[in-house]
Amino acid sequence: MTTEAEFFEQLQSAIRDNRISLPTLPEVALRVRDEMDRAETNANQIADIVATDAALSTRLLQVVNSPLYRGRVPIDNIQMAVTRLGMKLVRSLVISLAMKQMYQATSNLLDKRLRTLWEESIQVAAFSRVLAQNLPHLEKEQAMLAGLIHNIGSLPILTLAESYAEFMLDEERLDSLVTNLSPTVSKQILTTWGFPETLIQVAENYQNMDYDGGPEADYVDVILVARLQTLSNANLADWSQVKSFQKVGIEPEVEMIEIEGVTEDVEGIKAVFL
């Protein structure tokens, strides 16, 4: 029987030998991010890059005209969309919108699990965005992105696990494999992507109920609370002992979905990504 430690070493070996690839950001997302790092860039240049991807352009226009961002005047071109949203927000949205294509199953065996994983990530992202709205030192779109990518390490783990019948035929062992290894692999991926330390910490700590990054809420706190509010098995933890609740300003016994206005916001975000 293959142990989790043995599986992890085989995963790292497969990555080193290019027998399995870590997820990569789509080219247009990389180009937007690189362009944003240039001090002299402007909205027109960002719009030109986004416009090279027809599918992404269409989705960005749908987003800018959705209830989440809609202004009084409908937007019908990418340059106007970038101008309305702002380049910083567009960067987060482009990466977020590009995430869905990474959750494409290579077999029917994985399809259901990947769809569930993506839907859970969207729910976490939606709750994270709602929570960050009340935390002015955090960016709500960055919180949403953190929710979408926090467990990205599950993808290569599941891809390799497909070759192991002992895991694929034992759902409990497969769940344990993903739960125990995903934080390390997720951190590895986000580091490779060049993501900021604030998001790398999310990947590393999103299951750490004892996390305490300081007196002020950070993105890890937001994701911890959003995950507990999302997952059906979250009652395994004693929520009253999780410091993140107090930091984000919500009582452990409160169900976010019952707070006025939250349902509408969550459904709006789901409409964008589903």
Protein backbone atom coordinates (compact mmCIF):
# COMPACT_ATOMS: atom_id res chain seq x y z
CA MET A 1 0.00 0.00 0.00
CA THR A 2 1.34 3.41 -0.99
CA THR A 3 1.65 5.84 1.92
CA GLU A 4 0.89 9.55 1.59
CA ALA A 5 4.58 10.34 2.09
CA GLU A 6 5.52 7.95 -0.73
CA PHE A 7 2.83 9.44 -2.97
CA PHE A 8 4.10 12.97 -2.26
CA GLU A 9 7.65 12.00 -3.18
CA GLN A 10 6.41 10.35 -6.38
CA LEU A 11 4.45 13.52 -7.19
CA GLN A 12 7.54 15.69 -6.71
CA SER A 13 9.57 13.28 -8.82
CA ALA A 14 6.95 13.38 -11.59
CA ILE A 15 7.03 17.19 -11.52
CA ARG A 16 10.84 17.30 -11.66
CA ASP A 17 10.91 14.83 -14.57
CA ASN A 18 8.11 16.64 -16.46
CA ARG A 19 5.90 13.56 -16.29
CA ILE A 20 3.21 15.74 -14.75
CA SER A 21 2.87 19.50 -15.00
CA LEU A 22 1.90 22.00 -12.37
CA PRO A 23 -1.03 24.16 -13.44
CA THR A 24 0.08 27.25 -15.35
CA LEU A 25 -1.60 30.61 -15.72
CA PRO A 26 -3.00 31.22 -19.22
CA GLU A 27 -0.81 33.39 -21.44
CA VAL A 28 -3.18 36.35 -21.47
CA ALA A 29 -3.27 36.43 -17.65
CA LEU A 30 0.52 36.40 -17.54
CA ARG A 31 0.75 39.16 -20.13
CA VAL A 32 -1.72 41.35 -18.23
CA ARG A 33 0.19 40.81 -15.00
CA ASP A 34 3.55 41.57 -16.63
CA GLU A 35 2.16 44.69 -18.32
CA MET A 36 0.74 45.88 -15.00
CA ASP A 37 4.25 45.70 -13.51
CA ARG A 38 5.43 48.33 -15.99
CA ALA A 39 5.16 51.82 -14.52
CA GLU A 40 4.23 53.41 -17.84
CA THR A 41 1.37 51.07 -18.77
CA ASN A 42 -2.15 52.40 -19.36
CA ALA A 43 -5.72 51.15 -19.76
CA ASN A 44 -5.45 51.01 -23.57
CA GLN A 45 -2.47 48.64 -23.42
CA ILE A 46 -4.20 46.37 -20.92
CA ALA A 47 -7.34 46.37 -23.06
CA ASP A 48 -5.32 45.42 -26.16
CA ILE A 49 -3.90 42.39 -24.36
CA VAL A 50 -7.28 41.23 -23.06
CA ALA A 51 -8.78 41.67 -26.54
CA THR A 52 -6.41 39.02 -27.95
CA ASP A 53 -8.48 36.37 -26.13
CA ALA A 54 -12.01 36.42 -27.53
CA ALA A 55 -13.51 34.14 -24.87
CA LEU A 56 -11.96 36.11 -22.02
CA SER A 57 -13.03 39.41 -23.58
CA THR A 58 -16.61 38.19 -23.76
CA ARG A 59 -16.61 37.07 -20.14
CA LEU A 60 -15.05 40.33 -18.95
CA LEU A 61 -17.80 42.29 -20.71
CA GLN A 62 -20.39 40.04 -19.06
CA VAL A 63 -18.79 40.73 -15.69
CA VAL A 64 -18.58 44.52 -16.09
CA ASN A 65 -22.28 44.57 -17.04
CA SER A 66 -23.31 42.17 -14.27
CA PRO A 67 -25.10 43.36 -11.10
CA LEU A 68 -21.76 43.18 -9.27
CA TYR A 69 -20.19 46.03 -11.24
CA ARG A 70 -22.86 47.47 -13.52
CA GLY A 71 -23.02 51.25 -13.86
CA ARG A 72 -25.73 53.38 -15.39
CA VAL A 73 -24.34 53.01 -18.92
CA PRO A 74 -23.84 49.54 -20.48
CA ILE A 75 -20.27 48.73 -21.54
CA ASP A 76 -19.75 47.20 -24.98
CA ASN A 77 -15.97 47.29 -25.50
CA ILE A 78 -12.92 46.15 -23.57
CA GLN A 79 -11.26 49.56 -23.31
CA MET A 80 -14.34 51.00 -21.61
CA ALA A 81 -14.48 47.95 -19.34
CA VAL A 82 -10.87 48.43 -18.23
CA THR A 83 -11.45 52.15 -17.68
CA ARG A 84 -14.56 51.55 -15.57
CA LEU A 85 -13.13 48.72 -13.49
CA GLY A 86 -9.59 50.04 -13.18
CA MET A 87 -6.45 48.16 -14.17
CA LYS A 88 -5.82 46.70 -10.71
CA LEU A 89 -9.27 45.15 -10.58
CA VAL A 90 -8.99 43.90 -14.17
CA ARG A 91 -5.76 42.07 -13.30
CA SER A 92 -7.50 40.15 -10.49
CA LEU A 93 -10.55 39.45 -12.64
CA VAL A 94 -8.53 38.21 -15.63
CA ILE A 95 -6.71 35.69 -13.44
CA SER A 96 -9.95 34.71 -11.71
CA LEU A 97 -11.85 34.23 -14.97
CA ALA A 98 -8.98 32.18 -16.38
CA MET A 99 -9.05 29.75 -13.43
CA LYS A 100 -12.04 27.74 -14.66
CA GLN A 101 -10.16 26.23 -17.61
CA MET A 102 -7.72 24.60 -15.20
CA TYR A 103 -10.53 22.48 -13.75
CA GLN A 104 -11.10 20.44 -16.90
CA ALA A 105 -11.08 16.71 -16.23
CA THR A 106 -9.02 14.42 -18.42
CA SER A 107 -11.34 11.50 -17.68
CA ASN A 108 -14.85 10.78 -16.47
CA LEU A 109 -13.34 9.41 -13.28
CA LEU A 110 -12.16 12.84 -12.24
CA ASP A 111 -14.92 14.95 -13.75
CA LYS A 112 -17.32 14.86 -10.79
CA ARG A 113 -14.60 15.52 -8.23
CA LEU A 114 -13.12 18.46 -10.17
CA ARG A 115 -16.55 20.00 -10.70
CA THR A 116 -17.24 19.74 -6.96
CA LEU A 117 -13.84 21.23 -6.17
CA TRP A 118 -14.46 24.16 -8.53
CA GLU A 119 -17.94 24.82 -7.14
CA GLU A 120 -16.61 24.77 -3.58
CA SER A 121 -13.83 27.18 -4.57
CA ILE A 122 -16.40 29.56 -6.07
CA GLN A 123 -18.48 29.46 -2.89
CA VAL A 124 -15.38 30.17 -0.78
CA ALA A 125 -14.46 32.99 -3.18
CA ALA A 126 -17.95 34.47 -2.93
CA PHE A 127 -18.00 34.44 0.86
CA SER A 128 -14.44 35.82 0.90
CA ARG A 129 -15.41 38.76 -1.28
CA VAL A 130 -18.39 39.52 0.96
CA LEU A 131 -16.24 39.38 4.11
CA ALA A 132 -13.54 41.62 2.62
CA GLN A 133 -16.11 44.31 1.81
CA ASN A 134 -16.17 45.14 5.52
CA LEU A 135 -12.38 45.11 5.87
CA PRO A 136 -11.15 48.31 4.21
CA HIS A 137 -7.46 47.35 4.45
CA LEU A 138 -8.13 44.31 2.22
CA GLU A 139 -9.15 44.25 -1.46
CA LYS A 140 -12.39 42.36 -2.05
CA GLU A 141 -11.35 41.14 -5.53
CA GLN A 142 -8.04 39.90 -4.15
CA ALA A 143 -10.00 38.06 -1.48
CA MET A 144 -12.18 36.53 -4.19
CA LEU A 145 -9.07 35.45 -6.12
CA ALA A 146 -7.64 33.95 -2.92
CA GLY A 147 -10.78 31.87 -2.59
CA LEU A 148 -10.47 30.57 -6.12
CA ILE A 149 -6.80 29.56 -5.85
CA HIS A 150 -6.38 28.57 -2.21
CA ASN A 151 -6.40 24.81 -2.89
CA ILE A 152 -5.06 24.78 -6.45
CA GLY A 153 -2.62 22.06 -5.35
CA SER A 154 -5.49 19.57 -5.43
CA LEU A 155 -5.30 19.51 -9.24
CA PRO A 156 -1.89 17.82 -9.73
CA ILE A 157 -2.58 15.59 -6.72
CA LEU A 158 -5.79 14.29 -8.29
CA THR A 159 -4.15 14.03 -11.70
CA LEU A 160 -1.43 11.72 -10.37
CA ALA A 161 -3.82 9.86 -8.04
CA GLU A 162 -5.76 8.78 -11.11
CA SER A 163 -2.91 6.35 -11.79
CA TYR A 164 -3.37 4.72 -8.38
CA ALA A 165 -6.41 2.46 -8.14
CA GLU A 166 -5.86 2.13 -4.39
CA PHE A 167 -6.67 5.84 -4.01
CA MET A 168 -9.28 6.25 -6.72
CA LEU A 169 -11.30 3.30 -5.44
CA ASP A 170 -11.12 4.45 -1.83
CA GLU A 171 -12.78 7.84 -1.48
CA GLU A 172 -11.77 8.23 2.14
CA ARG A 173 -8.09 7.70 1.35
CA LEU A 174 -8.30 10.04 -1.64
CA ASP A 175 -9.93 12.75 0.49
CA SER A 176 -7.18 12.33 3.08
CA LEU A 177 -4.50 12.55 0.40
CA VAL A 178 -5.87 15.82 -0.97
CA THR A 179 -6.49 17.31 2.49
CA ASN A 180 -3.01 16.53 3.79
CA LEU A 181 -0.94 17.35 0.71
CA SER A 182 -2.81 20.22 -0.91
CA PRO A 183 -1.47 23.06 1.30
CA THR A 184 2.14 22.17 0.47
CA VAL A 185 1.49 21.70 -3.26
CA SER A 186 -0.72 24.80 -3.45
CA LYS A 187 2.07 26.88 -1.90
CA GLN A 188 4.50 25.38 -4.42
CA ILE A 189 2.27 26.37 -7.34
CA LEU A 190 1.59 29.93 -6.18
CA THR A 191 5.30 30.43 -5.52
CA THR A 192 6.03 29.24 -9.06
CA TRP A 193 3.40 31.66 -10.38
CA GLY A 194 5.13 34.54 -8.60
CA PHE A 195 2.07 35.37 -6.49
CA PRO A 196 2.46 37.76 -3.53
CA GLU A 197 3.31 36.39 -0.11
CA THR A 198 -0.15 37.36 1.17
CA LEU A 199 -1.73 34.78 -1.16
CA ILE A 200 1.00 32.17 -0.70
CA GLN A 201 0.23 32.29 3.03
CA VAL A 202 -3.40 31.52 2.19
CA ALA A 203 -2.39 28.35 0.37
CA GLU A 204 -0.15 27.31 3.23
CA ASN A 205 -2.61 27.99 6.05
CA TYR A 206 -6.16 27.60 4.74
CA GLN A 207 -6.73 24.56 6.98
CA ASN A 208 -4.86 25.89 10.01
CA MET A 209 -7.58 26.66 12.56
CA ASP A 210 -4.93 27.95 15.00
CA TYR A 211 -3.66 30.54 12.52
CA ASP A 212 -2.91 33.95 14.00
CA GLY A 213 -1.18 36.39 11.68
CA GLY A 214 -1.55 39.40 13.98
CA PRO A 215 -4.25 41.66 15.39
CA GLU A 216 -5.69 42.64 12.00
CA ALA A 217 -7.51 40.28 9.64
CA ASP A 218 -5.60 39.17 6.57
CA TYR A 219 -6.55 37.03 3.56
CA VAL A 220 -5.86 33.81 5.47
CA ASP A 221 -8.44 34.80 8.11
CA VAL A 222 -10.96 35.59 5.38
CA ILE A 223 -10.45 32.25 3.63
CA LEU A 224 -10.57 30.28 6.89
CA VAL A 225 -13.96 31.74 7.80
CA ALA A 226 -15.28 31.43 4.22
CA ARG A 227 -14.27 27.74 4.07
CA LEU A 228 -15.89 26.94 7.41
CA GLN A 229 -19.06 28.64 6.19
CA THR A 230 -18.91 26.65 2.93
CA LEU A 231 -17.95 23.07 3.72
CA SER A 232 -20.53 20.64 5.07
CA ASN A 233 -17.96 18.92 7.32
CA ALA A 234 -16.84 22.21 8.87
CA ASN A 235 -18.39 21.27 12.22
CA LEU A 236 -15.29 19.17 12.84
CA ALA A 237 -13.75 22.35 14.22
CA ASP A 238 -14.82 24.27 17.30
CA TRP A 239 -15.56 27.57 15.61
CA SER A 240 -15.51 29.51 18.88
CA GLN A 241 -11.77 28.79 19.14
CA VAL A 242 -10.97 30.11 15.64
CA LYS A 243 -9.56 33.61 16.09
CA SER A 244 -10.28 34.51 12.46
CA PHE A 245 -13.99 34.97 13.15
CA GLN A 246 -13.41 37.84 15.56
CA LYS A 247 -10.90 39.46 13.21
CA VAL A 248 -13.24 39.49 10.22
CA GLY A 249 -16.11 40.72 12.37
CA ILE A 250 -18.54 37.81 12.36
CA GLU A 251 -19.76 35.69 15.24
CA PRO A 252 -18.98 31.94 14.93
CA GLU A 253 -22.66 31.01 15.39
CA VAL A 254 -23.83 33.26 12.55
CA GLU A 255 -24.49 31.71 9.14
CA MET A 256 -23.32 34.20 6.54
CA ILE A 257 -25.91 33.17 3.98
CA GLU A 258 -28.64 34.41 6.35
CA ILE A 259 -27.17 37.94 6.55
CA GLU A 260 -29.18 40.45 4.55
CA GLY A 261 -27.75 41.03 1.10
CA VAL A 262 -25.25 38.17 1.22
CA THR A 263 -27.34 35.77 -0.87
CA GLU A 264 -27.60 38.31 -3.70
CA ASP A 265 -23.85 38.95 -3.68
CA VAL A 266 -23.02 35.24 -3.58
CA GLU A 267 -25.41 34.41 -6.42
CA GLY A 268 -23.94 37.26 -8.47
CA ILE A 269 -20.44 35.85 -8.09
CA LYS A 270 -21.61 32.31 -8.87
CA ALA A 271 -23.24 33.61 -12.04
CA VAL A 272 -19.88 35.03 -13.13
CA PHE A 273 -17.89 31.82 -12.61
CA LEU A 274 -20.38 29.00 -13.23
